[in-house]
Amino acid sequence: MELAGQGTEVVGVHVGYVDTDLVRELEGDKVAPEQVVTAALDALAAGEPEALVDDLARTVKAGLPDAQHLIYPGLRERFAGTVRV
């Protein structure tokens, strides 16, 4: 919310393994870096607070409370007029 006043938007990007040099030696499913970028930009364009890029992220998120959808509308209302959202 604080960064919105200067026109900065923030998106939480959640993903398992991304196919980079860092995880080259690991076995298992990996997401292409381009897929991460696309998901992040799509979430940004849709005004979503986060992007769930792959099945691992969606599975983990399914087990957690959906707090950001409860919190963000109240924050936007509270800061209305003080920040651009």
Protein backbone atom coordinates (compact mmCIF):
# COMPACT_ATOMS: atom_id res chain seq x y z
CA MET A 1 0.00 0.00 0.00
CA GLU A 2 2.83 2.40 0.80
CA LEU A 3 4.47 1.88 -2.58
CA ALA A 4 1.22 2.41 -4.47
CA GLY A 5 1.46 6.14 -3.70
CA GLN A 6 4.50 6.39 -5.95
CA GLY A 7 2.94 4.23 -8.66
CA THR A 8 4.77 1.04 -7.70
CA GLU A 9 2.74 -2.15 -7.84
CA VAL A 10 3.84 -5.32 -6.04
CA VAL A 11 2.89 -8.90 -6.91
CA GLY A 12 3.92 -11.95 -4.87
CA VAL A 13 5.11 -14.63 -7.29
CA HIS A 14 4.88 -18.19 -5.96
CA VAL A 15 6.49 -21.06 -7.83
CA GLY A 16 8.26 -24.34 -7.22
CA TYR A 17 11.43 -25.01 -9.17
CA VAL A 18 12.26 -22.70 -12.07
CA ASP A 19 14.43 -24.16 -14.81
CA THR A 20 17.61 -22.18 -14.09
CA ASP A 21 21.23 -23.00 -13.38
CA LEU A 22 20.45 -22.90 -9.65
CA VAL A 23 18.37 -26.10 -9.84
CA ARG A 24 20.00 -27.72 -12.85
CA GLU A 25 21.08 -30.77 -10.83
CA LEU A 26 17.71 -31.34 -9.14
CA GLU A 27 15.28 -33.95 -10.39
CA GLY A 28 11.62 -33.13 -10.83
CA ASP A 29 9.29 -30.80 -12.64
CA LYS A 30 10.62 -27.35 -13.42
CA VAL A 31 8.85 -24.31 -14.79
CA ALA A 32 10.26 -22.35 -17.71
CA PRO A 33 11.40 -18.86 -16.67
CA GLU A 34 9.17 -17.39 -19.38
CA GLN A 35 6.15 -18.98 -17.70
CA VAL A 36 7.05 -17.22 -14.43
CA VAL A 37 7.31 -13.86 -16.19
CA THR A 38 4.01 -14.35 -18.00
CA ALA A 39 2.19 -15.33 -14.80
CA ALA A 40 3.64 -12.35 -12.92
CA LEU A 41 2.69 -9.87 -15.63
CA ASP A 42 -0.78 -11.40 -16.02
CA ALA A 43 -1.38 -11.05 -12.27
CA LEU A 44 -0.14 -7.47 -12.37
CA ALA A 45 -2.45 -6.62 -15.27
CA ALA A 46 -5.39 -8.23 -13.46
CA GLY A 47 -4.65 -6.32 -10.25
CA GLU A 48 -4.05 -9.54 -8.32
CA PRO A 49 -1.82 -9.45 -5.24
CA GLU A 50 -0.10 -12.72 -6.17
CA ALA A 51 0.62 -15.13 -9.00
CA LEU A 52 0.52 -18.90 -8.48
CA VAL A 53 2.70 -20.14 -11.31
CA ASP A 54 2.67 -23.93 -11.08
CA ASP A 55 0.85 -26.88 -9.55
CA LEU A 56 3.19 -26.97 -6.56
CA ALA A 57 2.40 -23.34 -5.69
CA ARG A 58 -1.33 -23.92 -6.19
CA THR A 59 -1.24 -27.04 -3.97
CA VAL A 60 0.60 -25.25 -1.18
CA LYS A 61 -1.71 -22.22 -1.46
CA ALA A 62 -4.81 -24.44 -1.31
CA GLY A 63 -3.75 -25.48 2.18
CA LEU A 64 -3.41 -21.90 3.42
CA PRO A 65 -6.05 -19.31 4.31
CA ASP A 66 -6.95 -16.89 1.52
CA ALA A 67 -6.03 -13.91 3.70
CA GLN A 68 -4.88 -11.51 0.98
CA HIS A 69 -8.38 -11.39 -0.49
CA LEU A 70 -9.69 -10.51 2.96
CA ILE A 71 -6.95 -8.03 3.82
CA TYR A 72 -6.40 -6.03 0.63
CA PRO A 73 -9.94 -4.65 0.13
CA GLY A 74 -9.88 -3.29 3.68
CA LEU A 75 -6.45 -1.76 3.19
CA ARG A 76 -7.54 -0.11 -0.05
CA GLU A 77 -10.56 1.34 1.72
CA ARG A 78 -8.50 2.49 4.69
CA PHE A 79 -5.93 4.23 2.51
CA ALA A 80 -8.39 5.60 -0.06
CA GLY A 81 -7.36 9.11 -0.97
CA THR A 82 -3.88 8.73 0.48
CA VAL A 83 -2.45 6.26 -2.04
CA ARG A 84 -3.15 5.52 -5.67
CA VAL A 85 -4.24 1.88 -6.08
